[in-house]
Amino acid sequence: MTVAVMVCFGLVAGWRGVVFYGFVISGTAFTMQAITYIQHWGLTDRLSPGLGSVGYSWEDRCVMQAWVTLNHAYHGHHHVHPSLPYFRLGGFANSPRLPASYPVMLLMAMIPPLFERTMRRRLDAWIEAEGTQQPQARQPCANLGEFFRN
């Protein structure tokens, strides 16, 4: 299918269409891998035992983010109930939560020391609370203050 679409781009726009399509599929593949990395960072049985009840994924409780990503922000629910369609997913009260939305986290992941420091702090706090229900952030869609704390 990808080759057929690339041929169509080539027929319509020539070599520039093929190059453009190559950039689009490369960017899409990179973004999907980066989001998978962000969603599952640090969540292993060794580092955070007892995740079976909340899935092995960070959640993003931003309603707008859930709408834009078709509930991809509730990916942990998918790990617990894999046959449930994404539009029926929801969050868990005691799940680990991303410090900010996916676009912000994607940019932060491009700076590994900043990303790891922020995520380690969040993971350690979640483990210390033993996965108990976490208070809702005052700014659930962009908690940028967390990135700049010492």
Protein backbone atom coordinates (compact mmCIF):
# COMPACT_ATOMS: atom_id res chain seq x y z
CA MET A 1 0.00 0.00 0.00
CA THR A 2 2.80 2.43 0.88
CA VAL A 3 4.50 1.83 -2.48
CA ALA A 4 1.21 2.38 -4.33
CA VAL A 5 0.67 5.71 -2.54
CA MET A 6 4.27 6.72 -3.24
CA VAL A 7 3.76 5.92 -6.94
CA CYS A 8 0.61 8.07 -6.93
CA PHE A 9 2.54 10.95 -5.34
CA GLY A 10 5.20 10.47 -8.00
CA LEU A 11 2.68 10.49 -10.85
CA VAL A 12 0.95 13.61 -9.56
CA ALA A 13 3.93 15.65 -8.35
CA GLY A 14 7.02 13.98 -9.83
CA TRP A 15 10.16 13.38 -7.82
CA ARG A 16 9.21 16.19 -5.41
CA GLY A 17 6.02 14.28 -4.54
CA VAL A 18 8.04 11.13 -3.82
CA VAL A 19 10.45 13.10 -1.60
CA PHE A 20 7.55 14.80 0.17
CA TYR A 21 5.84 11.47 0.80
CA GLY A 22 9.13 10.03 2.07
CA PHE A 23 9.37 12.87 4.61
CA VAL A 24 5.75 12.31 5.68
CA ILE A 25 6.15 8.59 6.30
CA SER A 26 9.52 9.09 8.01
CA GLY A 27 8.06 11.76 10.28
CA THR A 28 5.07 9.59 11.07
CA ALA A 29 7.23 6.57 11.90
CA PHE A 30 9.51 8.71 14.10
CA THR A 31 6.57 10.28 15.94
CA MET A 32 4.93 6.91 16.61
CA GLN A 33 8.16 5.48 18.01
CA ALA A 34 8.77 8.57 20.13
CA ILE A 35 5.26 8.48 21.58
CA THR A 36 5.65 4.78 22.37
CA TYR A 37 8.94 5.59 24.16
CA ILE A 38 7.27 8.38 26.14
CA GLN A 39 4.23 6.28 27.05
CA HIS A 40 6.24 3.37 28.42
CA TRP A 41 9.34 5.10 29.85
CA GLY A 42 10.45 3.56 33.15
CA LEU A 43 7.36 1.38 33.61
CA THR A 44 8.69 -2.11 34.14
CA ASP A 45 8.07 -4.75 36.78
CA ARG A 46 11.56 -4.07 38.12
CA LEU A 47 11.19 -0.29 38.48
CA SER A 48 7.49 -0.06 39.23
CA PRO A 49 5.97 -3.34 40.41
CA GLY A 50 2.23 -3.79 40.60
CA LEU A 51 1.36 -2.12 37.31
CA GLY A 52 -0.89 -4.95 36.15
CA SER A 53 -3.93 -3.14 37.48
CA VAL A 54 -3.21 0.16 35.68
CA GLY A 55 -1.34 -1.00 32.59
CA TYR A 56 2.23 -0.29 31.60
CA SER A 57 1.72 3.20 30.26
CA TRP A 58 1.75 6.83 31.34
CA GLU A 59 -1.57 8.61 30.97
CA ASP A 60 -2.29 12.17 29.96
CA ARG A 61 -5.47 13.43 31.61
CA CYS A 62 -5.95 16.39 29.29
CA VAL A 63 -9.43 16.10 27.80
CA MET A 64 -8.45 17.95 24.63
CA GLN A 65 -5.48 15.62 24.18
CA ALA A 66 -7.79 12.61 24.55
CA TRP A 67 -10.13 14.02 21.91
CA VAL A 68 -7.32 14.80 19.47
CA THR A 69 -5.66 11.40 19.87
CA LEU A 70 -8.88 9.34 20.02
CA ASN A 71 -8.20 8.45 23.67
CA HIS A 72 -4.62 7.41 22.99
CA ALA A 73 -3.85 9.34 26.17
CA TYR A 74 -5.49 6.46 28.07
CA HIS A 75 -3.12 3.89 26.64
CA GLY A 76 -2.70 2.08 29.99
CA HIS A 77 -6.36 1.06 29.89
CA HIS A 78 -5.57 -0.60 26.54
CA HIS A 79 -2.92 -2.76 28.25
CA VAL A 80 -5.42 -3.95 30.83
CA HIS A 81 -8.27 -4.48 28.31
CA PRO A 82 -6.57 -4.95 24.90
CA SER A 83 -9.76 -5.82 23.01
CA LEU A 84 -11.54 -2.61 24.03
CA PRO A 85 -11.73 -0.04 21.18
CA TYR A 86 -9.80 3.18 21.80
CA PHE A 87 -12.94 5.31 21.80
CA ARG A 88 -14.12 3.40 24.90
CA LEU A 89 -10.92 3.77 26.89
CA GLY A 90 -10.78 5.76 30.10
CA GLY A 91 -8.24 6.62 32.75
CA PHE A 92 -7.39 4.95 36.03
CA ALA A 93 -7.45 6.93 39.26
CA ASN A 94 -4.09 5.49 40.37
CA SER A 95 -2.23 5.43 37.06
CA PRO A 96 1.05 7.23 36.47
CA ARG A 97 0.48 10.57 34.73
CA LEU A 98 2.64 12.43 32.27
CA PRO A 99 3.83 15.83 33.51
CA ALA A 100 2.51 17.50 30.33
CA SER A 101 0.77 16.77 27.04
CA TYR A 102 2.24 14.66 24.25
CA PRO A 103 3.49 17.58 22.11
CA VAL A 104 5.37 19.05 25.08
CA MET A 105 6.72 15.63 26.11
CA LEU A 106 7.78 14.91 22.52
CA LEU A 107 9.83 18.11 22.44
CA MET A 108 11.24 17.35 25.89
CA ALA A 109 12.26 13.84 24.79
CA MET A 110 14.58 15.51 22.27
CA ILE A 111 16.62 16.72 25.30
CA PRO A 112 17.30 13.41 27.11
CA PRO A 113 18.74 14.82 30.39
CA LEU A 114 15.72 17.11 30.86
CA PHE A 115 13.27 14.35 29.90
CA GLU A 116 14.86 11.74 32.16
CA ARG A 117 15.11 14.11 35.14
CA THR A 118 11.47 15.12 34.82
CA MET A 119 10.18 11.58 34.24
CA ARG A 120 12.36 10.08 36.99
CA ARG A 121 10.98 12.65 39.45
CA ARG A 122 7.41 11.79 38.40
CA LEU A 123 8.04 8.02 38.49
CA ASP A 124 9.66 8.16 41.93
CA ALA A 125 6.74 10.19 43.29
CA TRP A 126 4.26 7.71 41.83
CA ILE A 127 6.13 4.70 43.28
CA GLU A 128 6.42 6.45 46.67
CA ALA A 129 2.65 6.97 46.66
CA GLU A 130 2.41 3.25 45.77
CA GLY A 131 0.17 3.99 42.82
CA THR A 132 -2.50 5.59 44.96
CA GLN A 133 -4.87 8.14 43.52
CA GLN A 134 -2.95 11.27 42.63
CA PRO A 135 -4.38 14.75 43.00
CA GLN A 136 -5.50 16.39 39.78
CA ALA A 137 -3.07 18.99 38.48
CA ARG A 138 -4.31 22.58 38.53
CA GLN A 139 -3.27 22.84 34.88
CA PRO A 140 -3.89 19.30 33.61
CA CYS A 141 -3.04 20.04 29.98
CA ALA A 142 0.27 21.86 30.41
CA ASN A 143 2.01 21.64 33.76
CA LEU A 144 5.16 23.37 32.55
CA GLY A 145 6.24 24.40 36.04
CA GLU A 146 7.30 20.79 36.70
CA PHE A 147 10.04 21.04 34.06
CA PHE A 148 11.80 23.96 35.67
CA ARG A 149 11.76 22.95 39.34
CA ASN A 150 15.10 22.26 40.96
